[in-house]
Amino acid sequence: MRPTLQPKLTARATYTVPIERTVPHLLPEAGHFTQMPQVLATGYLVGLVEWACMQALDGHLDDGERTLGIHVDLSHEAPTPPGQTLTIDVELAEVAGRILTFGVTASDEAAVVCRGTHQRAVIDLDRFESMLSARTADGQVPA
């Protein structure tokens, strides 16, 4: 981790919701999802929050380091239909060793959609892939 990895780092991401990121498309094999309204799925919202947090870290990690999401505590307060743009604001609130805690808010044109916290852990990618390889039956990390 670089010395610049300090609280108060921020990022803002925008994302226009396509139909493919709505609830019926989250797990098409699950009939419960396919019967739901076409609004941004919470599962995709979590991914967008993770992406915004990763963007905040650009330029602040050493070569070979990555971050993995380890905890999510988010509300999902309002539906976002396809075609609307979501704006996700994140701020690094705490650096505790290799654990990073972000404050998160997201809004669309009509309402606050999400607020909460997200934690990420800084990992050494080679070490992580070695550990993962040890967990697979044939010792190979899936491509």
N, C-alpha and C. Protein backbone atom coordinates (compact mmCIF):
# COMPACT_ATOMS: atom_id res chain seq x y z
N MET A 1 0.85 -1.17 0.00
CA MET A 1 0.00 0.00 0.00
C MET A 1 0.89 1.23 0.00
N ARG A 2 0.51 2.19 -0.77
CA ARG A 2 1.29 3.42 -0.86
C ARG A 2 0.92 4.37 0.29
N PRO A 3 1.82 5.25 0.65
CA PRO A 3 1.53 6.19 1.74
C PRO A 3 0.33 7.10 1.47
N THR A 4 -0.03 7.23 0.21
CA THR A 4 -1.18 8.07 -0.13
C THR A 4 -2.52 7.41 0.20
N LEU A 5 -2.49 6.14 0.57
CA LEU A 5 -3.73 5.44 0.92
C LEU A 5 -4.13 5.88 2.33
N GLN A 6 -4.92 6.94 2.39
CA GLN A 6 -5.32 7.57 3.64
C GLN A 6 -6.82 7.87 3.61
N PRO A 7 -7.44 7.95 4.78
CA PRO A 7 -8.84 8.37 4.82
C PRO A 7 -9.04 9.69 4.08
N LYS A 8 -10.25 9.85 3.61
CA LYS A 8 -10.72 11.02 2.87
C LYS A 8 -10.58 10.87 1.36
N LEU A 9 -9.99 9.75 0.87
CA LEU A 9 -10.00 9.51 -0.58
C LEU A 9 -11.45 9.38 -1.02
N THR A 10 -11.79 9.97 -2.15
CA THR A 10 -13.16 9.90 -2.63
C THR A 10 -13.19 9.49 -4.09
N ALA A 11 -14.35 9.04 -4.49
CA ALA A 11 -14.61 8.78 -5.91
C ALA A 11 -16.10 8.98 -6.14
N ARG A 12 -16.41 9.39 -7.35
CA ARG A 12 -17.81 9.49 -7.80
C ARG A 12 -17.90 8.71 -9.10
N ALA A 13 -18.85 7.80 -9.15
CA ALA A 13 -19.08 7.01 -10.35
C ALA A 13 -20.52 7.23 -10.79
N THR A 14 -20.73 7.25 -12.08
CA THR A 14 -22.09 7.33 -12.61
C THR A 14 -22.32 6.12 -13.50
N TYR A 15 -23.56 5.68 -13.50
CA TYR A 15 -23.90 4.47 -14.25
C TYR A 15 -25.36 4.58 -14.70
N THR A 16 -25.57 4.52 -15.99
CA THR A 16 -26.93 4.51 -16.52
C THR A 16 -27.39 3.06 -16.56
N VAL A 17 -28.49 2.79 -15.89
CA VAL A 17 -28.96 1.42 -15.70
C VAL A 17 -29.55 0.85 -16.99
N PRO A 18 -28.94 -0.22 -17.52
CA PRO A 18 -29.53 -0.89 -18.68
C PRO A 18 -30.53 -1.95 -18.21
N ILE A 19 -31.37 -2.37 -19.09
CA ILE A 19 -32.37 -3.40 -18.77
C ILE A 19 -31.71 -4.67 -18.23
N GLU A 20 -30.49 -4.97 -18.68
CA GLU A 20 -29.80 -6.20 -18.27
C GLU A 20 -29.35 -6.18 -16.81
N ARG A 21 -29.47 -5.05 -16.14
CA ARG A 21 -29.07 -4.97 -14.73
C ARG A 21 -30.28 -4.85 -13.81
N THR A 22 -31.43 -5.24 -14.33
CA THR A 22 -32.64 -5.21 -13.51
C THR A 22 -32.87 -6.58 -12.86
N VAL A 23 -33.77 -6.60 -11.91
CA VAL A 23 -33.99 -7.81 -11.11
C VAL A 23 -34.25 -9.06 -11.95
N PRO A 24 -35.10 -9.02 -12.99
CA PRO A 24 -35.35 -10.25 -13.75
C PRO A 24 -34.09 -10.85 -14.40
N HIS A 25 -33.04 -10.04 -14.56
CA HIS A 25 -31.82 -10.52 -15.20
C HIS A 25 -30.75 -10.95 -14.21
N LEU A 26 -31.01 -10.79 -12.91
CA LEU A 26 -29.98 -11.11 -11.91
C LEU A 26 -29.63 -12.59 -11.93
N LEU A 27 -30.59 -13.44 -11.79
CA LEU A 27 -30.40 -14.89 -11.89
C LEU A 27 -31.56 -15.44 -12.72
N PRO A 28 -31.43 -15.41 -14.03
CA PRO A 28 -32.55 -15.81 -14.88
C PRO A 28 -33.04 -17.23 -14.63
N GLU A 29 -32.18 -18.07 -14.07
CA GLU A 29 -32.62 -19.44 -13.77
C GLU A 29 -33.52 -19.51 -12.54
N ALA A 30 -33.63 -18.41 -11.80
CA ALA A 30 -34.48 -18.36 -10.60
C ALA A 30 -35.78 -17.65 -10.94
N GLY A 31 -36.84 -18.42 -11.03
CA GLY A 31 -38.14 -17.87 -11.40
C GLY A 31 -38.60 -16.73 -10.51
N HIS A 32 -38.22 -16.75 -9.25
CA HIS A 32 -38.62 -15.67 -8.35
C HIS A 32 -38.11 -14.32 -8.85
N PHE A 33 -36.89 -14.29 -9.38
CA PHE A 33 -36.34 -13.04 -9.90
C PHE A 33 -37.02 -12.63 -11.20
N THR A 34 -37.26 -13.60 -12.08
CA THR A 34 -37.80 -13.27 -13.40
C THR A 34 -39.21 -12.68 -13.31
N GLN A 35 -39.89 -12.91 -12.20
CA GLN A 35 -41.25 -12.39 -12.02
C GLN A 35 -41.28 -11.01 -11.38
N MET A 36 -40.13 -10.44 -11.09
CA MET A 36 -40.05 -9.15 -10.40
C MET A 36 -40.04 -7.98 -11.38
N PRO A 37 -40.33 -6.77 -10.87
CA PRO A 37 -40.31 -5.58 -11.74
C PRO A 37 -38.91 -5.28 -12.28
N GLN A 38 -38.88 -4.57 -13.38
CA GLN A 38 -37.61 -4.22 -14.02
C GLN A 38 -37.06 -2.94 -13.38
N VAL A 39 -36.37 -3.13 -12.26
CA VAL A 39 -35.66 -2.06 -11.56
C VAL A 39 -34.27 -2.59 -11.22
N LEU A 40 -33.33 -1.67 -10.96
CA LEU A 40 -31.97 -2.06 -10.63
C LEU A 40 -31.99 -3.10 -9.51
N ALA A 41 -31.32 -4.22 -9.73
CA ALA A 41 -31.24 -5.29 -8.73
C ALA A 41 -30.24 -4.93 -7.65
N THR A 42 -30.55 -5.28 -6.42
CA THR A 42 -29.65 -5.01 -5.30
C THR A 42 -28.29 -5.64 -5.54
N GLY A 43 -28.25 -6.84 -6.10
CA GLY A 43 -26.98 -7.50 -6.38
C GLY A 43 -26.10 -6.68 -7.30
N TYR A 44 -26.69 -6.07 -8.32
CA TYR A 44 -25.91 -5.21 -9.22
C TYR A 44 -25.53 -3.91 -8.52
N LEU A 45 -26.41 -3.39 -7.66
CA LEU A 45 -26.09 -2.18 -6.89
C LEU A 45 -24.84 -2.41 -6.04
N VAL A 46 -24.75 -3.56 -5.40
CA VAL A 46 -23.57 -3.89 -4.60
C VAL A 46 -22.32 -3.88 -5.49
N GLY A 47 -22.41 -4.46 -6.67
CA GLY A 47 -21.28 -4.46 -7.59
C GLY A 47 -20.86 -3.06 -7.99
N LEU A 48 -21.82 -2.18 -8.20
CA LEU A 48 -21.50 -0.79 -8.56
C LEU A 48 -20.81 -0.07 -7.42
N VAL A 49 -21.25 -0.33 -6.18
CA VAL A 49 -20.59 0.25 -5.01
C VAL A 49 -19.15 -0.25 -4.92
N GLU A 50 -18.96 -1.55 -5.11
CA GLU A 50 -17.60 -2.09 -5.07
C GLU A 50 -16.72 -1.44 -6.14
N TRP A 51 -17.25 -1.28 -7.33
CA TRP A 51 -16.51 -0.67 -8.43
C TRP A 51 -16.10 0.76 -8.08
N ALA A 52 -17.01 1.54 -7.52
CA ALA A 52 -16.69 2.92 -7.15
C ALA A 52 -15.59 2.95 -6.09
N CYS A 53 -15.64 2.03 -5.13
CA CYS A 53 -14.59 1.97 -4.11
C CYS A 53 -13.25 1.60 -4.73
N MET A 54 -13.25 0.68 -5.67
CA MET A 54 -12.01 0.32 -6.36
C MET A 54 -11.46 1.52 -7.12
N GLN A 55 -12.33 2.31 -7.74
CA GLN A 55 -11.89 3.49 -8.47
C GLN A 55 -11.22 4.49 -7.52
N ALA A 56 -11.73 4.62 -6.29
CA ALA A 56 -11.13 5.53 -5.31
C ALA A 56 -9.70 5.12 -4.98
N LEU A 57 -9.39 3.84 -5.14
CA LEU A 57 -8.07 3.32 -4.78
C LEU A 57 -7.06 3.39 -5.92
N ASP A 58 -7.52 3.78 -7.11
CA ASP A 58 -6.60 3.86 -8.25
C ASP A 58 -5.40 4.73 -7.90
N GLY A 59 -4.20 4.16 -8.12
CA GLY A 59 -2.97 4.88 -7.87
C GLY A 59 -2.49 4.84 -6.43
N HIS A 60 -3.22 4.15 -5.55
CA HIS A 60 -2.86 4.11 -4.13
C HIS A 60 -2.45 2.73 -3.65
N LEU A 61 -2.42 1.75 -4.56
CA LEU A 61 -1.99 0.39 -4.21
C LEU A 61 -0.65 0.11 -4.88
N ASP A 62 0.15 -0.74 -4.25
CA ASP A 62 1.42 -1.16 -4.84
C ASP A 62 1.17 -2.15 -5.96
N ASP A 63 2.17 -2.32 -6.84
CA ASP A 63 2.07 -3.32 -7.89
C ASP A 63 1.82 -4.68 -7.25
N GLY A 64 0.93 -5.44 -7.85
CA GLY A 64 0.62 -6.77 -7.33
C GLY A 64 -0.43 -6.77 -6.24
N GLU A 65 -0.88 -5.61 -5.80
CA GLU A 65 -1.93 -5.55 -4.79
C GLU A 65 -3.29 -5.34 -5.46
N ARG A 66 -4.30 -5.91 -4.87
CA ARG A 66 -5.68 -5.71 -5.28
C ARG A 66 -6.50 -5.61 -4.00
N THR A 67 -7.78 -5.30 -4.14
CA THR A 67 -8.67 -5.34 -2.98
C THR A 67 -9.83 -6.27 -3.27
N LEU A 68 -10.30 -6.90 -2.21
CA LEU A 68 -11.47 -7.77 -2.28
C LEU A 68 -12.52 -7.26 -1.31
N GLY A 69 -13.77 -7.29 -1.73
CA GLY A 69 -14.85 -6.92 -0.83
C GLY A 69 -14.99 -7.96 0.26
N ILE A 70 -15.10 -7.50 1.50
CA ILE A 70 -15.23 -8.44 2.62
C ILE A 70 -16.46 -8.18 3.47
N HIS A 71 -17.08 -7.00 3.33
CA HIS A 71 -18.29 -6.73 4.11
C HIS A 71 -19.09 -5.64 3.41
N VAL A 72 -20.40 -5.83 3.39
CA VAL A 72 -21.31 -4.86 2.79
C VAL A 72 -22.44 -4.60 3.78
N ASP A 73 -22.68 -3.34 4.08
CA ASP A 73 -23.81 -2.95 4.93
C ASP A 73 -24.48 -1.77 4.23
N LEU A 74 -25.38 -2.08 3.32
CA LEU A 74 -26.02 -1.07 2.48
C LEU A 74 -27.53 -1.17 2.56
N SER A 75 -28.17 -0.02 2.54
CA SER A 75 -29.61 0.02 2.34
C SER A 75 -29.88 0.01 0.83
N HIS A 76 -31.10 -0.35 0.47
CA HIS A 76 -31.56 -0.16 -0.90
C HIS A 76 -32.94 0.45 -0.75
N GLU A 77 -32.99 1.78 -0.81
CA GLU A 77 -34.15 2.54 -0.36
C GLU A 77 -35.14 2.94 -1.44
N ALA A 78 -34.74 2.91 -2.70
CA ALA A 78 -35.63 3.36 -3.76
C ALA A 78 -35.32 2.60 -5.05
N PRO A 79 -36.35 2.36 -5.86
CA PRO A 79 -36.13 1.65 -7.12
C PRO A 79 -35.58 2.57 -8.20
N THR A 80 -34.66 2.05 -8.98
CA THR A 80 -34.11 2.80 -10.11
C THR A 80 -34.47 2.06 -11.39
N PRO A 81 -35.34 2.64 -12.21
CA PRO A 81 -35.71 1.96 -13.46
C PRO A 81 -34.64 2.09 -14.52
N PRO A 82 -34.68 1.23 -15.53
CA PRO A 82 -33.73 1.32 -16.63
C PRO A 82 -33.79 2.70 -17.27
N GLY A 83 -32.61 3.16 -17.69
CA GLY A 83 -32.51 4.45 -18.34
C GLY A 83 -32.14 5.58 -17.39
N GLN A 84 -32.37 5.38 -16.09
CA GLN A 84 -31.98 6.41 -15.13
C GLN A 84 -30.50 6.25 -14.79
N THR A 85 -29.89 7.35 -14.40
CA THR A 85 -28.47 7.35 -14.05
C THR A 85 -28.30 7.36 -12.55
N LEU A 86 -27.50 6.44 -12.09
CA LEU A 86 -27.17 6.32 -10.67
C LEU A 86 -25.83 7.03 -10.46
N THR A 87 -25.74 7.83 -9.42
CA THR A 87 -24.48 8.48 -9.03
C THR A 87 -24.07 7.90 -7.69
N ILE A 88 -22.89 7.29 -7.65
CA ILE A 88 -22.38 6.64 -6.44
C ILE A 88 -21.21 7.45 -5.92
N ASP A 89 -21.31 7.91 -4.68
CA ASP A 89 -20.23 8.64 -4.02
C ASP A 89 -19.67 7.79 -2.90
N VAL A 90 -18.35 7.63 -2.88
CA VAL A 90 -17.70 6.85 -1.83
C VAL A 90 -16.56 7.67 -1.23
N GLU A 91 -16.34 7.44 0.06
CA GLU A 91 -15.23 8.09 0.75
C GLU A 91 -14.57 7.09 1.68
N LEU A 92 -13.26 6.98 1.57
CA LEU A 92 -12.51 6.11 2.46
C LEU A 92 -12.55 6.72 3.85
N ALA A 93 -13.19 6.03 4.78
CA ALA A 93 -13.37 6.55 6.14
C ALA A 93 -12.28 6.08 7.09
N GLU A 94 -11.78 4.83 6.86
CA GLU A 94 -10.81 4.27 7.81
C GLU A 94 -9.88 3.30 7.10
N VAL A 95 -8.61 3.34 7.50
CA VAL A 95 -7.62 2.37 7.09
C VAL A 95 -7.12 1.71 8.36
N ALA A 96 -7.46 0.44 8.54
CA ALA A 96 -7.05 -0.31 9.73
C ALA A 96 -6.20 -1.48 9.25
N GLY A 97 -4.89 -1.27 9.18
CA GLY A 97 -4.02 -2.29 8.60
C GLY A 97 -4.36 -2.43 7.13
N ARG A 98 -4.78 -3.65 6.75
CA ARG A 98 -5.12 -3.90 5.35
C ARG A 98 -6.64 -3.83 5.10
N ILE A 99 -7.40 -3.43 6.12
CA ILE A 99 -8.86 -3.33 5.99
C ILE A 99 -9.24 -1.87 5.74
N LEU A 100 -9.98 -1.66 4.67
CA LEU A 100 -10.40 -0.32 4.26
C LEU A 100 -11.91 -0.21 4.40
N THR A 101 -12.38 0.83 5.07
CA THR A 101 -13.82 1.04 5.26
C THR A 101 -14.25 2.31 4.53
N PHE A 102 -15.26 2.17 3.69
CA PHE A 102 -15.78 3.27 2.90
C PHE A 102 -17.19 3.63 3.36
N GLY A 103 -17.49 4.92 3.39
CA GLY A 103 -18.86 5.39 3.48
C GLY A 103 -19.40 5.53 2.07
N VAL A 104 -20.67 5.19 1.88
CA VAL A 104 -21.25 5.10 0.54
C VAL A 104 -22.63 5.77 0.51
N THR A 105 -22.89 6.53 -0.54
CA THR A 105 -24.25 6.97 -0.85
C THR A 105 -24.43 6.85 -2.36
N ALA A 106 -25.65 6.58 -2.77
CA ALA A 106 -25.97 6.53 -4.19
C ALA A 106 -27.35 7.14 -4.39
N SER A 107 -27.47 7.89 -5.47
CA SER A 107 -28.73 8.55 -5.79
C SER A 107 -29.00 8.42 -7.28
N ASP A 108 -30.29 8.44 -7.63
CA ASP A 108 -30.64 8.57 -9.04
C ASP A 108 -31.32 9.92 -9.20
N GLU A 109 -31.98 10.15 -10.32
CA GLU A 109 -32.59 11.45 -10.57
C GLU A 109 -33.71 11.78 -9.58
N ALA A 110 -34.28 10.77 -8.94
CA ALA A 110 -35.46 10.99 -8.11
C ALA A 110 -35.23 10.88 -6.60
N ALA A 111 -34.22 10.12 -6.17
CA ALA A 111 -34.12 9.83 -4.73
C ALA A 111 -32.75 9.31 -4.35
N VAL A 112 -32.51 9.31 -3.03
CA VAL A 112 -31.38 8.56 -2.50
C VAL A 112 -31.75 7.09 -2.62
N VAL A 113 -30.89 6.33 -3.24
CA VAL A 113 -31.17 4.92 -3.51
C VAL A 113 -30.49 4.02 -2.49
N CYS A 114 -29.32 4.45 -2.01
CA CYS A 114 -28.50 3.57 -1.19
C CYS A 114 -27.61 4.41 -0.28
N ARG A 115 -27.39 3.89 0.94
CA ARG A 115 -26.38 4.47 1.83
C ARG A 115 -25.89 3.36 2.75
N GLY A 116 -24.65 3.54 3.21
CA GLY A 116 -24.11 2.53 4.11
C GLY A 116 -22.60 2.52 4.09
N THR A 117 -22.05 1.33 4.36
CA THR A 117 -20.60 1.16 4.38
C THR A 117 -20.21 -0.09 3.60
N HIS A 118 -18.97 -0.07 3.16
CA HIS A 118 -18.41 -1.22 2.45
C HIS A 118 -16.95 -1.36 2.88
N GLN A 119 -16.54 -2.59 3.20
CA GLN A 119 -15.15 -2.85 3.57
C GLN A 119 -14.48 -3.68 2.49
N ARG A 120 -13.21 -3.35 2.27
CA ARG A 120 -12.37 -4.08 1.33
C ARG A 120 -11.07 -4.42 2.02
N ALA A 121 -10.48 -5.55 1.66
CA ALA A 121 -9.18 -5.96 2.20
C ALA A 121 -8.15 -5.87 1.09
N VAL A 122 -7.00 -5.30 1.42
CA VAL A 122 -5.89 -5.23 0.47
C VAL A 122 -5.19 -6.59 0.50
N ILE A 123 -5.01 -7.17 -0.68
CA ILE A 123 -4.37 -8.48 -0.79
C ILE A 123 -3.20 -8.42 -1.76
N ASP A 124 -2.28 -9.35 -1.58
CA ASP A 124 -1.23 -9.60 -2.57
C ASP A 124 -1.80 -10.61 -3.54
N LEU A 125 -1.91 -10.24 -4.80
CA LEU A 125 -2.59 -11.08 -5.78
C LEU A 125 -1.93 -12.44 -5.96
N ASP A 126 -0.59 -12.50 -6.03
CA ASP A 126 0.09 -13.78 -6.20
C ASP A 126 -0.18 -14.70 -5.02
N ARG A 127 -0.09 -14.17 -3.82
CA ARG A 127 -0.34 -14.98 -2.62
C ARG A 127 -1.78 -15.49 -2.60
N PHE A 128 -2.72 -14.61 -2.95
CA PHE A 128 -4.13 -15.00 -2.97
C PHE A 128 -4.37 -16.10 -3.99
N GLU A 129 -3.80 -15.95 -5.18
CA GLU A 129 -3.99 -16.98 -6.20
C GLU A 129 -3.37 -18.30 -5.80
N SER A 130 -2.25 -18.28 -5.07
CA SER A 130 -1.65 -19.51 -4.56
C SER A 130 -2.57 -20.19 -3.56
N MET A 131 -3.15 -19.40 -2.67
CA MET A 131 -4.10 -19.96 -1.69
C MET A 131 -5.33 -20.53 -2.39
N LEU A 132 -5.81 -19.82 -3.40
CA LEU A 132 -6.97 -20.29 -4.15
C LEU A 132 -6.65 -21.59 -4.88
N SER A 133 -5.49 -21.67 -5.46
CA SER A 133 -5.08 -22.87 -6.18
C SER A 133 -5.06 -24.08 -5.25
N ALA A 134 -4.63 -23.86 -4.01
CA ALA A 134 -4.59 -24.95 -3.04
C ALA A 134 -5.99 -25.45 -2.69
N ARG A 135 -7.00 -24.63 -2.92
CA ARG A 135 -8.38 -25.01 -2.60
C ARG A 135 -9.09 -25.73 -3.74
N THR A 136 -8.52 -25.73 -4.92
CA THR A 136 -9.17 -26.37 -6.06
C THR A 136 -8.71 -27.81 -6.17
N ALA A 137 -9.54 -28.63 -6.76
CA ALA A 137 -9.27 -30.07 -6.83
C ALA A 137 -7.98 -30.40 -7.59
N ASP A 138 -7.74 -29.69 -8.70
CA ASP A 138 -6.59 -30.03 -9.51
C ASP A 138 -5.41 -29.04 -9.32
N GLY A 139 -5.56 -28.09 -8.39
CA GLY A 139 -4.50 -27.15 -8.14
C GLY A 139 -4.42 -26.01 -9.13
N GLN A 140 -5.39 -25.94 -10.06
CA GLN A 140 -5.39 -24.89 -11.06
C GLN A 140 -6.45 -23.85 -10.72
N VAL A 141 -6.07 -22.61 -10.83
CA VAL A 141 -7.03 -21.53 -10.64
C VAL A 141 -7.84 -21.42 -11.92
N PRO A 142 -9.18 -21.42 -11.83
CA PRO A 142 -9.99 -21.29 -13.04
C PRO A 142 -9.69 -19.97 -13.76
N ALA A 143 -9.67 -20.03 -15.08
CA ALA A 143 -9.39 -18.82 -15.87
C ALA A 143 -10.59 -17.92 -15.92
